[in-house]
Amino acid sequence: TIPNKKIEDPASGKVSTSSLATRQDLTKFHLIPPRVIFG
């Protein structure tokens, strides 16, 4: 991965719950499988 510059987006659906307010990385994606080998 390459980190992107964080840009405030008012439409990105922020969570304002106090238990989650300290977490920085609230959005993550995983690729399944992490690589493709066609052969």
PDB file of all heavy atoms in Angstrom:
ATOM      1  N   THR A   1       0.825  -1.197   0.000  1.00  0.00           N
ATOM      2  CA  THR A   1       0.000   0.000   0.000  1.00  0.00           C
ATOM      3  C   THR A   1       0.861   1.250   0.000  1.00  0.00           C
ATOM      4  O   THR A   1       2.007   1.239   0.439  1.00  0.00           O
ATOM      5  CB  THR A   1      -0.917   0.059   1.234  1.00  0.00           C
ATOM      6  OG1 THR A   1      -0.109   0.056   2.406  1.00  0.00           O
ATOM      7  CG2 THR A   1      -1.873  -1.106   1.279  1.00  0.00           C
ATOM      8  N   ILE A   2       0.276   2.321  -0.497  1.00  0.00           N
ATOM      9  CA  ILE A   2       0.890   3.647  -0.463  1.00  0.00           C
ATOM     10  C   ILE A   2      -0.105   4.547   0.252  1.00  0.00           C
ATOM     11  O   ILE A   2      -1.239   4.691  -0.212  1.00  0.00           O
ATOM     12  CB  ILE A   2       1.153   4.169  -1.892  1.00  0.00           C
ATOM     13  CG1 ILE A   2       2.056   3.200  -2.657  1.00  0.00           C
ATOM     14  CG2 ILE A   2       1.742   5.563  -1.849  1.00  0.00           C
ATOM     15  CD1 ILE A   2       2.118   3.485  -4.148  1.00  0.00           C
ATOM     16  N   PRO A   3       0.264   5.155   1.413  1.00  0.00           N
ATOM     17  CA  PRO A   3      -0.693   6.010   2.119  1.00  0.00           C
ATOM     18  C   PRO A   3      -1.016   7.263   1.321  1.00  0.00           C
ATOM     19  O   PRO A   3      -0.149   7.852   0.690  1.00  0.00           O
ATOM     20  CB  PRO A   3       0.008   6.342   3.435  1.00  0.00           C
ATOM     21  CG  PRO A   3       1.440   6.039   3.219  1.00  0.00           C
ATOM     22  CD  PRO A   3       1.538   5.047   2.085  1.00  0.00           C
ATOM     23  N   ASN A   4      -2.295   7.669   1.347  1.00  0.00           N
ATOM     24  CA  ASN A   4      -2.740   8.893   0.696  1.00  0.00           C
ATOM     25  C   ASN A   4      -2.714  10.030   1.697  1.00  0.00           C
ATOM     26  O   ASN A   4      -2.797   9.811   2.899  1.00  0.00           O
ATOM     27  CB  ASN A   4      -4.172   8.744   0.171  1.00  0.00           C
ATOM     28  CG  ASN A   4      -4.260   7.773  -0.970  1.00  0.00           C
ATOM     29  OD1 ASN A   4      -3.264   7.404  -1.561  1.00  0.00           O
ATOM     30  ND2 ASN A   4      -5.475   7.354  -1.280  1.00  0.00           N
ATOM     31  N   LYS A   5      -2.634  11.253   1.194  1.00  0.00           N
ATOM     32  CA  LYS A   5      -2.784  12.412   2.065  1.00  0.00           C
ATOM     33  C   LYS A   5      -4.232  12.457   2.509  1.00  0.00           C
ATOM     34  O   LYS A   5      -5.141  12.338   1.694  1.00  0.00           O
ATOM     35  CB  LYS A   5      -2.430  13.695   1.322  1.00  0.00           C
ATOM     36  CG  LYS A   5      -0.970  13.806   0.973  1.00  0.00           C
ATOM     37  CD  LYS A   5      -0.714  15.105   0.246  1.00  0.00           C
ATOM     38  CE  LYS A   5       0.739  15.213  -0.166  1.00  0.00           C
ATOM     39  NZ  LYS A   5       1.000  16.421  -0.944  1.00  0.00           N
ATOM     40  N   LYS A   6      -4.460  12.628   3.799  1.00  0.00           N
ATOM     41  CA  LYS A   6      -5.822  12.656   4.323  1.00  0.00           C
ATOM     42  C   LYS A   6      -6.446  14.012   4.041  1.00  0.00           C
ATOM     43  O   LYS A   6      -5.949  15.048   4.463  1.00  0.00           O
ATOM     44  CB  LYS A   6      -5.818  12.374   5.827  1.00  0.00           C
ATOM     45  CG  LYS A   6      -7.189  12.236   6.426  1.00  0.00           C
ATOM     46  CD  LYS A   6      -7.908  11.041   5.851  1.00  0.00           C
ATOM     47  CE  LYS A   6      -9.249  10.868   6.547  1.00  0.00           C
ATOM     48  NZ  LYS A   6     -10.085   9.931   5.891  1.00  0.00           N
ATOM     49  N   ILE A   7      -7.538  14.005   3.304  1.00  0.00           N
ATOM     50  CA  ILE A   7      -8.266  15.219   2.970  1.00  0.00           C
ATOM     51  C   ILE A   7      -9.627  15.132   3.636  1.00  0.00           C
ATOM     52  O   ILE A   7     -10.320  14.120   3.518  1.00  0.00           O
ATOM     53  CB  ILE A   7      -8.424  15.360   1.434  1.00  0.00           C
ATOM     54  CG1 ILE A   7      -7.046  15.419   0.777  1.00  0.00           C
ATOM     55  CG2 ILE A   7      -9.259  16.577   1.099  1.00  0.00           C
ATOM     56  CD1 ILE A   7      -7.097  15.318  -0.728  1.00  0.00           C
ATOM     57  N   GLU A   8     -10.010  16.169   4.369  1.00  0.00           N
ATOM     58  CA  GLU A   8     -11.306  16.176   5.027  1.00  0.00           C
ATOM     59  C   GLU A   8     -12.417  16.225   3.987  1.00  0.00           C
ATOM     60  O   GLU A   8     -12.466  17.115   3.157  1.00  0.00           O
ATOM     61  CB  GLU A   8     -11.432  17.374   5.975  1.00  0.00           C
ATOM     62  CG  GLU A   8     -10.697  17.180   7.287  1.00  0.00           C
ATOM     63  CD  GLU A   8     -11.252  16.018   8.091  1.00  0.00           C
ATOM     64  OE1 GLU A   8     -12.483  15.826   8.129  1.00  0.00           O
ATOM     65  OE2 GLU A   8     -10.442  15.279   8.672  1.00  0.00           O
ATOM     66  N   ASP A   9     -13.294  15.253   4.048  1.00  0.00           N
ATOM     67  CA  ASP A   9     -14.410  15.180   3.126  1.00  0.00           C
ATOM     68  C   ASP A   9     -15.694  15.156   3.956  1.00  0.00           C
ATOM     69  O   ASP A   9     -15.932  14.195   4.688  1.00  0.00           O
ATOM     70  CB  ASP A   9     -14.294  13.920   2.266  1.00  0.00           C
ATOM     71  CG  ASP A   9     -15.380  13.821   1.225  1.00  0.00           C
ATOM     72  OD1 ASP A   9     -16.114  14.805   1.025  1.00  0.00           O
ATOM     73  OD2 ASP A   9     -15.502  12.739   0.617  1.00  0.00           O
ATOM     74  N   PRO A  10     -16.528  16.179   3.887  1.00  0.00           N
ATOM     75  CA  PRO A  10     -17.714  16.224   4.726  1.00  0.00           C
ATOM     76  C   PRO A  10     -18.718  15.123   4.405  1.00  0.00           C
ATOM     77  O   PRO A  10     -19.569  14.815   5.223  1.00  0.00           O
ATOM     78  CB  PRO A  10     -18.310  17.603   4.448  1.00  0.00           C
ATOM     79  CG  PRO A  10     -17.715  18.045   3.167  1.00  0.00           C
ATOM     80  CD  PRO A  10     -16.392  17.353   3.034  1.00  0.00           C
ATOM     81  N   ALA A  11     -18.619  14.493   3.247  1.00  0.00           N
ATOM     82  CA  ALA A  11     -19.582  13.453   2.872  1.00  0.00           C
ATOM     83  C   ALA A  11     -19.016  12.054   3.055  1.00  0.00           C
ATOM     84  O   ALA A  11     -19.558  11.100   2.533  1.00  0.00           O
ATOM     85  CB  ALA A  11     -19.999  13.640   1.422  1.00  0.00           C
ATOM     86  N   SER A  12     -17.939  11.909   3.810  1.00  0.00           N
ATOM     87  CA  SER A  12     -17.322  10.587   3.904  1.00  0.00           C
ATOM     88  C   SER A  12     -17.897   9.734   5.021  1.00  0.00           C
ATOM     89  O   SER A  12     -17.424   8.639   5.264  1.00  0.00           O
ATOM     90  CB  SER A  12     -15.801  10.719   4.078  1.00  0.00           C
ATOM     91  OG  SER A  12     -15.515  11.308   5.325  1.00  0.00           O
ATOM     92  N   GLY A  13     -18.896  10.207   5.738  1.00  0.00           N
ATOM     93  CA  GLY A  13     -19.559   9.379   6.731  1.00  0.00           C
ATOM     94  C   GLY A  13     -18.731   9.156   7.976  1.00  0.00           C
ATOM     95  O   GLY A  13     -18.419   8.026   8.313  1.00  0.00           O
ATOM     96  N   LYS A  14     -18.363  10.201   8.679  1.00  0.00           N
ATOM     97  CA  LYS A  14     -17.533  10.087   9.871  1.00  0.00           C
ATOM     98  C   LYS A  14     -18.319   9.480  11.028  1.00  0.00           C
ATOM     99  O   LYS A  14     -19.506   9.733  11.188  1.00  0.00           O
ATOM    100  CB  LYS A  14     -16.984  11.455  10.295  1.00  0.00           C
ATOM    101  CG  LYS A  14     -16.102  12.106   9.264  1.00  0.00           C
ATOM    102  CD  LYS A  14     -14.848  11.310   9.082  1.00  0.00           C
ATOM    103  CE  LYS A  14     -13.973  11.931   8.034  1.00  0.00           C
ATOM    104  NZ  LYS A  14     -12.908  11.107   7.600  1.00  0.00           N
ATOM    105  N   VAL A  15     -17.639   8.722  11.862  1.00  0.00           N
ATOM    106  CA  VAL A  15     -18.230   8.159  13.062  1.00  0.00           C
ATOM    107  C   VAL A  15     -17.814   9.046  14.222  1.00  0.00           C
ATOM    108  O   VAL A  15     -16.633   9.323  14.409  1.00  0.00           O
ATOM    109  CB  VAL A  15     -17.735   6.707  13.290  1.00  0.00           C
ATOM    110  CG1 VAL A  15     -18.246   6.177  14.605  1.00  0.00           C
ATOM    111  CG2 VAL A  15     -18.188   5.838  12.155  1.00  0.00           C
ATOM    112  N   SER A  16     -18.781   9.499  15.029  1.00  0.00           N
ATOM    113  CA  SER A  16     -18.446  10.381  16.136  1.00  0.00           C
ATOM    114  C   SER A  16     -18.668   9.713  17.478  1.00  0.00           C
ATOM    115  O   SER A  16     -18.835  10.382  18.485  1.00  0.00           O
ATOM    116  CB  SER A  16     -19.268  11.669  16.036  1.00  0.00           C
ATOM    117  OG  SER A  16     -20.638  11.345  16.063  1.00  0.00           O
ATOM    118  N   THR A  17     -18.701   8.400  17.508  1.00  0.00           N
ATOM    119  CA  THR A  17     -18.837   7.668  18.756  1.00  0.00           C
ATOM    120  C   THR A  17     -17.552   7.825  19.548  1.00  0.00           C
ATOM    121  O   THR A  17     -16.461   7.693  19.012  1.00  0.00           O
ATOM    122  CB  THR A  17     -19.104   6.176  18.467  1.00  0.00           C
ATOM    123  OG1 THR A  17     -20.221   6.093  17.589  1.00  0.00           O
ATOM    124  CG2 THR A  17     -19.379   5.418  19.742  1.00  0.00           C
ATOM    125  N   SER A  18     -17.665   8.080  20.854  1.00  0.00           N
ATOM    126  CA  SER A  18     -16.477   8.365  21.651  1.00  0.00           C
ATOM    127  C   SER A  18     -15.509   7.190  21.698  1.00  0.00           C
ATOM    128  O   SER A  18     -14.308   7.376  21.763  1.00  0.00           O
ATOM    129  CB  SER A  18     -16.874   8.763  23.079  1.00  0.00           C
ATOM    130  OG  SER A  18     -17.524   7.679  23.705  1.00  0.00           O
ATOM    131  N   SER A  19     -16.014   5.957  21.682  1.00  0.00           N
ATOM    132  CA  SER A  19     -15.115   4.808  21.728  1.00  0.00           C
ATOM    133  C   SER A  19     -14.312   4.663  20.442  1.00  0.00           C
ATOM    134  O   SER A  19     -13.265   4.045  20.429  1.00  0.00           O
ATOM    135  CB  SER A  19     -15.899   3.524  21.991  1.00  0.00           C
ATOM    136  OG  SER A  19     -16.780   3.274  20.917  1.00  0.00           O
ATOM    137  N   LEU A  20     -14.804   5.228  19.344  1.00  0.00           N
ATOM    138  CA  LEU A  20     -14.111   5.129  18.066  1.00  0.00           C
ATOM    139  C   LEU A  20     -13.408   6.419  17.685  1.00  0.00           C
ATOM    140  O   LEU A  20     -12.718   6.472  16.682  1.00  0.00           O
ATOM    141  CB  LEU A  20     -15.099   4.756  16.963  1.00  0.00           C
ATOM    142  CG  LEU A  20     -15.792   3.408  17.118  1.00  0.00           C
ATOM    143  CD1 LEU A  20     -16.827   3.240  16.031  1.00  0.00           C
ATOM    144  CD2 LEU A  20     -14.803   2.280  17.090  1.00  0.00           C
ATOM    145  N   ALA A  21     -13.564   7.472  18.476  1.00  0.00           N
ATOM    146  CA  ALA A  21     -13.017   8.767  18.116  1.00  0.00           C
ATOM    147  C   ALA A  21     -11.489   8.790  18.142  1.00  0.00           C
ATOM    148  O   ALA A  21     -10.875   9.596  17.473  1.00  0.00           O
ATOM    149  CB  ALA A  21     -13.562   9.844  19.040  1.00  0.00           C
ATOM    150  N   THR A  22     -10.862   7.913  18.907  1.00  0.00           N
ATOM    151  CA  THR A  22      -9.405   7.905  19.005  1.00  0.00           C
ATOM    152  C   THR A  22      -8.754   7.096  17.899  1.00  0.00           C
ATOM    153  O   THR A  22      -7.558   7.215  17.677  1.00  0.00           O
ATOM    154  CB  THR A  22      -8.959   7.333  20.365  1.00  0.00           C
ATOM    155  OG1 THR A  22      -9.472   6.011  20.496  1.00  0.00           O
ATOM    156  CG2 THR A  22      -9.464   8.205  21.501  1.00  0.00           C
ATOM    157  N   ARG A  23      -9.509   6.281  17.205  1.00  0.00           N
ATOM    158  CA  ARG A  23      -8.943   5.482  16.123  1.00  0.00           C
ATOM    159  C   ARG A  23      -8.682   6.359  14.918  1.00  0.00           C
ATOM    160  O   ARG A  23      -9.516   7.144  14.517  1.00  0.00           O
ATOM    161  CB  ARG A  23      -9.892   4.352  15.721  1.00  0.00           C
ATOM    162  CG  ARG A  23      -9.953   3.293  16.801  1.00  0.00           C
ATOM    163  CD  ARG A  23     -10.592   2.047  16.299  1.00  0.00           C
ATOM    164  NE  ARG A  23      -9.907   1.589  15.109  1.00  0.00           N
ATOM    165  CZ  ARG A  23     -10.346   0.599  14.376  1.00  0.00           C
ATOM    166  NH1 ARG A  23     -11.424  -0.026  14.681  1.00  0.00           N
ATOM    167  NH2 ARG A  23      -9.690   0.226  13.301  1.00  0.00           N
ATOM    168  N   GLN A  24      -7.505   6.200  14.322  1.00  0.00           N
ATOM    169  CA  GLN A  24      -7.151   7.001  13.162  1.00  0.00           C
ATOM    170  C   GLN A  24      -7.603   6.351  11.865  1.00  0.00           C
ATOM    171  O   GLN A  24      -8.101   7.003  10.984  1.00  0.00           O
ATOM    172  CB  GLN A  24      -5.632   7.217  13.119  1.00  0.00           C
ATOM    173  CG  GLN A  24      -5.103   8.008  14.305  1.00  0.00           C
ATOM    174  CD  GLN A  24      -5.617   9.420  14.316  1.00  0.00           C
ATOM    175  OE1 GLN A  24      -5.759  10.025  13.270  1.00  0.00           O
ATOM    176  NE2 GLN A  24      -5.917   9.952  15.476  1.00  0.00           N
ATOM    177  N   ASP A  25      -7.414   5.052  11.773  1.00  0.00           N
ATOM    178  CA  ASP A  25      -7.682   4.352  10.517  1.00  0.00           C
ATOM    179  C   ASP A  25      -9.017   3.626  10.611  1.00  0.00           C
ATOM    180  O   ASP A  25      -9.089   2.498  11.067  1.00  0.00           O
ATOM    181  CB  ASP A  25      -6.542   3.363  10.238  1.00  0.00           C
ATOM    182  CG  ASP A  25      -6.591   2.809   8.837  1.00  0.00           C
ATOM    183  OD1 ASP A  25      -7.381   3.326   8.027  1.00  0.00           O
ATOM    184  OD2 ASP A  25      -5.854   1.863   8.561  1.00  0.00           O
ATOM    185  N   LEU A  26     -10.104   4.302  10.198  1.00  0.00           N
ATOM    186  CA  LEU A  26     -11.432   3.713  10.294  1.00  0.00           C
ATOM    187  C   LEU A  26     -11.860   3.042   9.003  1.00  0.00           C
ATOM    188  O   LEU A  26     -12.872   2.368   8.970  1.00  0.00           O
ATOM    189  CB  LEU A  26     -12.452   4.792  10.679  1.00  0.00           C
ATOM    190  CG  LEU A  26     -12.232   5.438  12.047  1.00  0.00           C
ATOM    191  CD1 LEU A  26     -13.230   6.551  12.255  1.00  0.00           C
ATOM    192  CD2 LEU A  26     -12.337   4.412  13.151  1.00  0.00           C
ATOM    193  N   THR A  27     -11.123   3.239   7.927  1.00  0.00           N
ATOM    194  CA  THR A  27     -11.466   2.615   6.656  1.00  0.00           C
ATOM    195  C   THR A  27     -10.286   1.779   6.184  1.00  0.00           C
ATOM    196  O   THR A  27      -9.176   2.282   6.051  1.00  0.00           O
ATOM    197  CB  THR A  27     -11.810   3.682   5.598  1.00  0.00           C
ATOM    198  OG1 THR A  27     -10.718   4.574   5.481  1.00  0.00           O
ATOM    199  CG2 THR A  27     -13.051   4.450   5.978  1.00  0.00           C
ATOM    200  N   LYS A  28     -10.545   0.515   5.941  1.00  0.00           N
ATOM    201  CA  LYS A  28      -9.510  -0.399   5.468  1.00  0.00           C
ATOM    202  C   LYS A  28     -10.120  -1.338   4.443  1.00  0.00           C
ATOM    203  O   LYS A  28     -11.271  -1.734   4.572  1.00  0.00           O
ATOM    204  CB  LYS A  28      -8.964  -1.254   6.612  1.00  0.00           C
ATOM    205  CG  LYS A  28      -8.031  -0.574   7.540  1.00  0.00           C
ATOM    206  CD  LYS A  28      -7.480  -1.623   8.503  1.00  0.00           C
ATOM    207  CE  LYS A  28      -6.531  -1.017   9.486  1.00  0.00           C
ATOM    208  NZ  LYS A  28      -6.051  -2.005  10.448  1.00  0.00           N
ATOM    209  N   PHE A  29      -9.317  -1.699   3.471  1.00  0.00           N
ATOM    210  CA  PHE A  29      -9.725  -2.695   2.491  1.00  0.00           C
ATOM    211  C   PHE A  29      -8.697  -3.814   2.477  1.00  0.00           C
ATOM    212  O   PHE A  29      -7.500  -3.564   2.635  1.00  0.00           O
ATOM    213  CB  PHE A  29      -9.800  -2.083   1.086  1.00  0.00           C
ATOM    214  CG  PHE A  29     -11.052  -1.292   0.828  1.00  0.00           C
ATOM    215  CD1 PHE A  29     -11.027   0.090   0.830  1.00  0.00           C
ATOM    216  CD2 PHE A  29     -12.248  -1.923   0.564  1.00  0.00           C
ATOM    217  CE1 PHE A  29     -12.161   0.830   0.577  1.00  0.00           C
ATOM    218  CE2 PHE A  29     -13.397  -1.200   0.301  1.00  0.00           C
ATOM    219  CZ  PHE A  29     -13.354   0.188   0.317  1.00  0.00           C
ATOM    220  N   HIS A  30      -9.161  -5.034   2.288  1.00  0.00           N
ATOM    221  CA  HIS A  30      -8.287  -6.183   2.079  1.00  0.00           C
ATOM    222  C   HIS A  30      -8.600  -6.783   0.723  1.00  0.00           C
ATOM    223  O   HIS A  30      -9.760  -6.857   0.320  1.00  0.00           O
ATOM    224  CB  HIS A  30      -8.501  -7.246   3.155  1.00  0.00           C
ATOM    225  CG  HIS A  30      -7.830  -6.915   4.449  1.00  0.00           C
ATOM    226  ND1 HIS A  30      -7.800  -7.786   5.497  1.00  0.00           N
ATOM    227  CD2 HIS A  30      -7.161  -5.816   4.870  1.00  0.00           C
ATOM    228  CE1 HIS A  30      -7.142  -7.243   6.501  1.00  0.00           C
ATOM    229  NE2 HIS A  30      -6.759  -6.044   6.143  1.00  0.00           N
ATOM    230  N   LEU A  31      -7.546  -7.228   0.030  1.00  0.00           N
ATOM    231  CA  LEU A  31      -7.704  -7.897  -1.263  1.00  0.00           C
ATOM    232  C   LEU A  31      -7.623  -9.397  -1.060  1.00  0.00           C
ATOM    233  O   LEU A  31      -6.712  -9.892  -0.411  1.00  0.00           O
ATOM    234  CB  LEU A  31      -6.597  -7.457  -2.222  1.00  0.00           C
ATOM    235  CG  LEU A  31      -6.699  -6.044  -2.761  1.00  0.00           C
ATOM    236  CD1 LEU A  31      -5.415  -5.658  -3.465  1.00  0.00           C
ATOM    237  CD2 LEU A  31      -7.858  -5.943  -3.723  1.00  0.00           C
ATOM    238  N   ILE A  32      -8.573 -10.123  -1.617  1.00  0.00           N
ATOM    239  CA  ILE A  32      -8.574 -11.578  -1.543  1.00  0.00           C
ATOM    240  C   ILE A  32      -8.691 -12.117  -2.960  1.00  0.00           C
ATOM    241  O   ILE A  32      -9.732 -11.943  -3.585  1.00  0.00           O
ATOM    242  CB  ILE A  32      -9.751 -12.100  -0.695  1.00  0.00           C
ATOM    243  CG1 ILE A  32      -9.701 -11.457   0.693  1.00  0.00           C
ATOM    244  CG2 ILE A  32      -9.717 -13.610  -0.598  1.00  0.00           C
ATOM    245  CD1 ILE A  32     -10.934 -11.720   1.516  1.00  0.00           C
ATOM    246  N   PRO A  33      -7.686 -12.720  -3.529  1.00  0.00           N
ATOM    247  CA  PRO A  33      -6.318 -12.942  -3.058  1.00  0.00           C
ATOM    248  C   PRO A  33      -5.481 -11.673  -3.200  1.00  0.00           C
ATOM    249  O   PRO A  33      -5.825 -10.784  -3.982  1.00  0.00           O
ATOM    250  CB  PRO A  33      -5.801 -14.031  -3.999  1.00  0.00           C
ATOM    251  CG  PRO A  33      -6.538 -13.826  -5.258  1.00  0.00           C
ATOM    252  CD  PRO A  33      -7.901 -13.320  -4.863  1.00  0.00           C
ATOM    253  N   PRO A  34      -4.361 -11.572  -2.463  1.00  0.00           N
ATOM    254  CA  PRO A  34      -3.548 -10.362  -2.509  1.00  0.00           C
ATOM    255  C   PRO A  34      -2.721 -10.206  -3.778  1.00  0.00           C
ATOM    256  O   PRO A  34      -2.117  -9.167  -4.001  1.00  0.00           O
ATOM    257  CB  PRO A  34      -2.636 -10.489  -1.291  1.00  0.00           C
ATOM    258  CG  PRO A  34      -2.586 -11.945  -1.008  1.00  0.00           C
ATOM    259  CD  PRO A  34      -3.887 -12.513  -1.453  1.00  0.00           C
ATOM    260  N   ARG A  35      -2.662 -11.239  -4.632  1.00  0.00           N
ATOM    261  CA  ARG A  35      -1.942 -11.158  -5.916  1.00  0.00           C
ATOM    262  C   ARG A  35      -2.631 -12.109  -6.895  1.00  0.00           C
ATOM    263  O   ARG A  35      -3.294 -13.060  -6.494  1.00  0.00           O
ATOM    264  CB  ARG A  35      -0.469 -11.505  -5.748  1.00  0.00           C
ATOM    265  CG  ARG A  35      -0.177 -12.949  -5.464  1.00  0.00           C
ATOM    266  CD  ARG A  35       1.268 -13.211  -5.114  1.00  0.00           C
ATOM    267  NE  ARG A  35       1.734 -12.479  -3.968  1.00  0.00           N
ATOM    268  CZ  ARG A  35       1.540 -12.850  -2.701  1.00  0.00           C
ATOM    269  NH1 ARG A  35       0.860 -13.934  -2.429  1.00  0.00           N
ATOM    270  NH2 ARG A  35       2.005 -12.120  -1.704  1.00  0.00           N
ATOM    271  N   VAL A  36      -2.472 -11.825  -8.186  1.00  0.00           N
ATOM    272  CA  VAL A  36      -3.068 -12.670  -9.228  1.00  0.00           C
ATOM    273  C   VAL A  36      -1.942 -13.204 -10.108  1.00  0.00           C
ATOM    274  O   VAL A  36      -1.163 -12.424 -10.658  1.00  0.00           O
ATOM    275  CB  VAL A  36      -4.081 -11.876 -10.088  1.00  0.00           C
ATOM    276  CG1 VAL A  36      -4.603 -12.735 -11.221  1.00  0.00           C
ATOM    277  CG2 VAL A  36      -5.216 -11.373  -9.227  1.00  0.00           C
ATOM    278  N   ILE A  37      -1.860 -14.526 -10.216  1.00  0.00           N
ATOM    279  CA  ILE A  37      -0.889 -15.170 -11.097  1.00  0.00           C
ATOM    280  C   ILE A  37      -1.684 -16.039 -12.067  1.00  0.00           C
ATOM    281  O   ILE A  37      -2.280 -17.044 -11.670  1.00  0.00           O
ATOM    282  CB  ILE A  37       0.127 -16.002 -10.298  1.00  0.00           C
ATOM    283  CG1 ILE A  37       0.878 -15.102  -9.312  1.00  0.00           C
ATOM    284  CG2 ILE A  37       1.105 -16.694 -11.238  1.00  0.00           C
ATOM    285  CD1 ILE A  37       1.786 -15.826  -8.358  1.00  0.00           C
ATOM    286  N   PHE A  38      -1.712 -15.625 -13.325  1.00  0.00           N
ATOM    287  CA  PHE A  38      -2.476 -16.351 -14.336  1.00  0.00           C
ATOM    288  C   PHE A  38      -1.777 -17.618 -14.797  1.00  0.00           C
ATOM    289  O   PHE A  38      -2.422 -18.535 -15.278  1.00  0.00           O
ATOM    290  CB  PHE A  38      -2.753 -15.445 -15.551  1.00  0.00           C
ATOM    291  CG  PHE A  38      -3.902 -14.502 -15.353  1.00  0.00           C
ATOM    292  CD1 PHE A  38      -3.682 -13.178 -15.050  1.00  0.00           C
ATOM    293  CD2 PHE A  38      -5.207 -14.942 -15.470  1.00  0.00           C
ATOM    294  CE1 PHE A  38      -4.727 -12.299 -14.880  1.00  0.00           C
ATOM    295  CE2 PHE A  38      -6.272 -14.077 -15.300  1.00  0.00           C
ATOM    296  CZ  PHE A  38      -6.030 -12.743 -14.991  1.00  0.00           C
ATOM    297  N   GLY A  39      -0.456 -17.672 -14.707  1.00  0.00           N
ATOM    298  CA  GLY A  39       0.285 -18.838 -15.187  1.00  0.00           C
ATOM    299  C   GLY A  39       0.613 -18.677 -16.667  1.00  0.00           C
ATOM    300  O   GLY A  39       0.793 -17.581 -17.164  1.00  0.00           O
TER     301      GLY A  39
END
